[in-house]
């Protein structure tokens, strides 16, 4: 215990990264590819007729509309969007005005778009697991890290902008 009565920081808290469990793109990609493979072996369609060709690309486009400006917002602040690298600035512009996690929301929409375009149900239950892993082992760790790093400005941002949408 320190002189002020608080516990010393854990190794994760002492480092200048949020210590996420894995790179978020991999957290989405590995289950998606695995379940798409199952869908080839044992297809279970989700949508009838031409709907997969209409709906899937729409979700893909929506994901890109969120993802690309979110990455540009990080570049504009000259900070790294990779959560395994230190953050040097608090990004609250662009799509971050509406969601604290527009990149992850974009990944989610892209994942859904691919699953629907391929028209297989297998990735859908896996997406629930992906979102639970993202929430617990990525987003919560990032939030603790950003609060430690940026303090009151980040807490104010958390109060004014929702986590997802």
Protein backbone atom coordinates (compact mmCIF):
# COMPACT_ATOMS: atom_id res chain seq x y z
CA UNK A 1 0.00 0.00 0.00
CA UNK A 2 1.24 3.49 -0.82
CA UNK A 3 1.47 6.44 1.58
CA UNK A 4 -1.98 7.69 0.58
CA UNK A 5 -3.55 4.31 1.40
CA UNK A 6 -4.16 3.26 -2.20
CA UNK A 7 -2.96 0.00 -3.63
CA UNK A 8 0.05 0.07 -5.92
CA UNK A 9 -0.76 -0.23 -9.61
CA UNK A 10 -0.91 -3.68 -11.13
CA UNK A 11 1.63 -4.37 -13.90
CA UNK A 12 -1.15 -3.73 -16.44
CA UNK A 13 -1.97 -0.38 -14.83
CA UNK A 14 1.68 0.58 -14.69
CA UNK A 15 2.15 0.06 -18.42
CA UNK A 16 1.20 2.63 -21.03
CA UNK A 17 -1.10 0.30 -22.98
CA UNK A 18 -4.56 -1.06 -22.17
CA UNK A 19 -3.40 -4.71 -22.33
CA UNK A 20 -6.27 -5.92 -24.49
CA UNK A 21 -6.56 -9.70 -24.80
CA UNK A 22 -5.87 -9.74 -28.57
CA UNK A 23 -5.94 -7.38 -31.55
CA UNK A 24 -9.63 -6.55 -32.14
CA UNK A 25 -9.52 -7.34 -35.88
CA UNK A 26 -8.43 -10.89 -34.99
CA UNK A 27 -11.15 -11.20 -32.36
CA UNK A 28 -13.66 -10.60 -35.16
CA UNK A 29 -11.84 -12.39 -38.00
CA UNK A 30 -11.00 -15.76 -36.43
CA UNK A 31 -14.58 -16.69 -35.39
CA UNK A 32 -15.96 -15.29 -38.65
CA UNK A 33 -13.65 -17.44 -40.78
CA UNK A 34 -14.23 -20.51 -38.62
CA UNK A 35 -18.00 -20.21 -38.78
CA UNK A 36 -17.99 -19.42 -42.49
CA UNK A 37 -16.10 -22.69 -42.90
CA UNK A 38 -18.80 -24.51 -40.95
CA UNK A 39 -21.38 -22.83 -43.21
CA UNK A 40 -19.69 -24.32 -46.28
CA UNK A 41 -19.79 -27.77 -44.71
CA UNK A 42 -23.31 -27.44 -43.27
CA UNK A 43 -25.19 -24.44 -44.74
CA UNK A 44 -28.03 -22.81 -42.85
CA UNK A 45 -29.37 -19.88 -44.90
CA UNK A 46 -30.54 -16.73 -43.14
CA UNK A 47 -32.27 -14.77 -45.90
CA UNK A 48 -34.35 -15.91 -48.90
CA UNK A 49 -33.90 -15.04 -52.57
CA UNK A 50 -31.78 -12.05 -53.51
CA UNK A 51 -31.89 -10.52 -50.01
CA UNK A 52 -28.34 -11.65 -49.13
CA UNK A 53 -26.97 -9.72 -52.13
CA UNK A 54 -28.90 -6.62 -51.07
CA UNK A 55 -28.54 -6.65 -47.29
CA UNK A 56 -24.98 -7.98 -46.93
CA UNK A 57 -23.28 -5.25 -48.97
CA UNK A 58 -25.38 -2.64 -47.14
CA UNK A 59 -24.00 -3.75 -43.78
CA UNK A 60 -20.48 -3.87 -45.25
CA UNK A 61 -20.82 -0.31 -46.54
CA UNK A 62 -22.22 0.93 -43.22
CA UNK A 63 -19.27 -0.66 -41.41
CA UNK A 64 -16.82 1.05 -43.76
CA UNK A 65 -18.61 4.37 -43.32
CA UNK A 66 -17.88 4.12 -39.58
CA UNK A 67 -14.48 2.46 -39.68
CA UNK A 68 -12.60 4.64 -42.16
CA UNK A 69 -13.46 8.05 -40.62
CA UNK A 70 -12.67 6.62 -37.17
CA UNK A 71 -9.19 5.65 -38.34
CA UNK A 72 -8.77 9.08 -39.98
CA UNK A 73 -9.73 10.76 -36.69
CA UNK A 74 -6.86 8.92 -34.96
CA UNK A 75 -4.43 9.92 -37.71
CA UNK A 76 -5.56 13.56 -37.45
CA UNK A 77 -4.64 13.52 -33.74
CA UNK A 78 -1.35 11.73 -34.54
CA UNK A 79 -2.12 8.88 -32.19
CA UNK A 80 -2.14 5.16 -32.85
CA UNK A 81 -5.50 3.39 -33.31
CA UNK A 82 -3.94 0.05 -32.31
CA UNK A 83 -4.92 -0.70 -28.69
CA UNK A 84 -1.64 -2.52 -28.08
CA UNK A 85 0.22 0.77 -28.62
CA UNK A 86 0.22 3.80 -26.28
CA UNK A 87 -2.38 6.52 -26.83
CA UNK A 88 -0.94 10.01 -27.10
CA UNK A 89 -4.21 11.94 -27.53
CA UNK A 90 -7.86 11.61 -26.66
CA UNK A 91 -9.88 11.25 -29.88
CA UNK A 92 -13.40 12.65 -29.58
CA UNK A 93 -13.94 14.03 -33.09
CA UNK A 94 -15.57 12.54 -36.17
CA UNK A 95 -17.61 9.42 -35.43
CA UNK A 96 -16.29 9.52 -31.84
CA UNK A 97 -18.82 12.31 -31.22
CA UNK A 98 -21.58 9.65 -31.42
CA UNK A 99 -19.90 6.43 -30.26
CA UNK A 100 -16.88 5.77 -28.07
CA UNK A 101 -16.17 2.68 -30.19
CA UNK A 102 -17.02 3.41 -33.83
CA UNK A 103 -14.21 1.13 -35.06
CA UNK A 104 -15.64 -1.82 -33.16
CA UNK A 105 -19.14 -0.93 -34.31
CA UNK A 106 -17.76 -0.82 -37.86
CA UNK A 107 -16.11 -4.23 -37.42
CA UNK A 108 -19.44 -5.58 -36.12
CA UNK A 109 -21.36 -4.27 -39.14
CA UNK A 110 -18.73 -5.65 -41.53
CA UNK A 111 -18.90 -9.03 -39.78
CA UNK A 112 -22.70 -9.03 -40.12
CA UNK A 113 -22.46 -7.90 -43.74
CA UNK A 114 -20.17 -10.78 -44.65
CA UNK A 115 -22.32 -13.33 -42.81
CA UNK A 116 -25.49 -12.08 -44.47
CA UNK A 117 -23.93 -11.75 -47.93
CA UNK A 118 -22.66 -15.34 -47.73
CA UNK A 119 -26.10 -16.18 -46.30
CA UNK A 120 -25.12 -18.45 -43.46
CA UNK A 121 -26.44 -18.41 -39.89
CA UNK A 122 -23.35 -19.92 -38.24
CA UNK A 123 -21.48 -16.62 -37.69
CA UNK A 124 -24.43 -15.02 -35.91
CA UNK A 125 -24.22 -16.85 -32.55
CA UNK A 126 -20.43 -16.54 -32.72
CA UNK A 127 -20.86 -12.77 -33.01
CA UNK A 128 -22.48 -12.74 -29.57
CA UNK A 129 -19.35 -14.36 -28.15
CA UNK A 130 -17.18 -11.89 -30.07
CA UNK A 131 -19.12 -8.97 -28.60
CA UNK A 132 -18.83 -10.37 -25.07
CA UNK A 133 -15.05 -10.78 -25.51
CA UNK A 134 -14.80 -7.28 -26.97
CA UNK A 135 -16.78 -5.78 -24.09
CA UNK A 136 -14.95 -7.54 -21.28
CA UNK A 137 -11.40 -7.97 -22.55
CA UNK A 138 -10.96 -5.03 -24.90
CA UNK A 139 -13.37 -2.15 -24.27
CA UNK A 140 -13.38 -2.30 -20.46
CA UNK A 141 -9.56 -2.50 -20.43
CA UNK A 142 -9.31 0.40 -22.85
CA UNK A 143 -11.71 2.46 -20.75
CA UNK A 144 -9.70 1.88 -17.57
CA UNK A 145 -6.49 2.74 -19.42
CA UNK A 146 -7.91 5.92 -20.99
CA UNK A 147 -9.33 7.04 -17.66
CA UNK A 148 -5.93 6.57 -16.01
CA UNK A 149 -4.15 8.32 -18.86
CA UNK A 150 -6.51 11.24 -19.57
CA UNK A 151 -8.46 11.56 -16.29
CA UNK A 152 -11.28 14.12 -16.05
CA UNK A 153 -11.52 14.88 -19.80
CA UNK A 154 -12.06 11.19 -20.53
CA UNK A 155 -14.61 10.83 -17.72
CA UNK A 156 -16.53 13.81 -19.14
CA UNK A 157 -16.40 12.21 -22.59
CA UNK A 158 -17.71 8.92 -21.14
CA UNK A 159 -20.66 10.76 -19.61
CA UNK A 160 -21.53 12.53 -22.87
CA UNK A 161 -21.04 9.76 -25.48
CA UNK A 162 -22.45 6.23 -25.38
CA UNK A 163 -20.17 3.20 -25.53
CA UNK A 164 -21.63 1.70 -28.73
CA UNK A 165 -24.46 3.81 -30.21
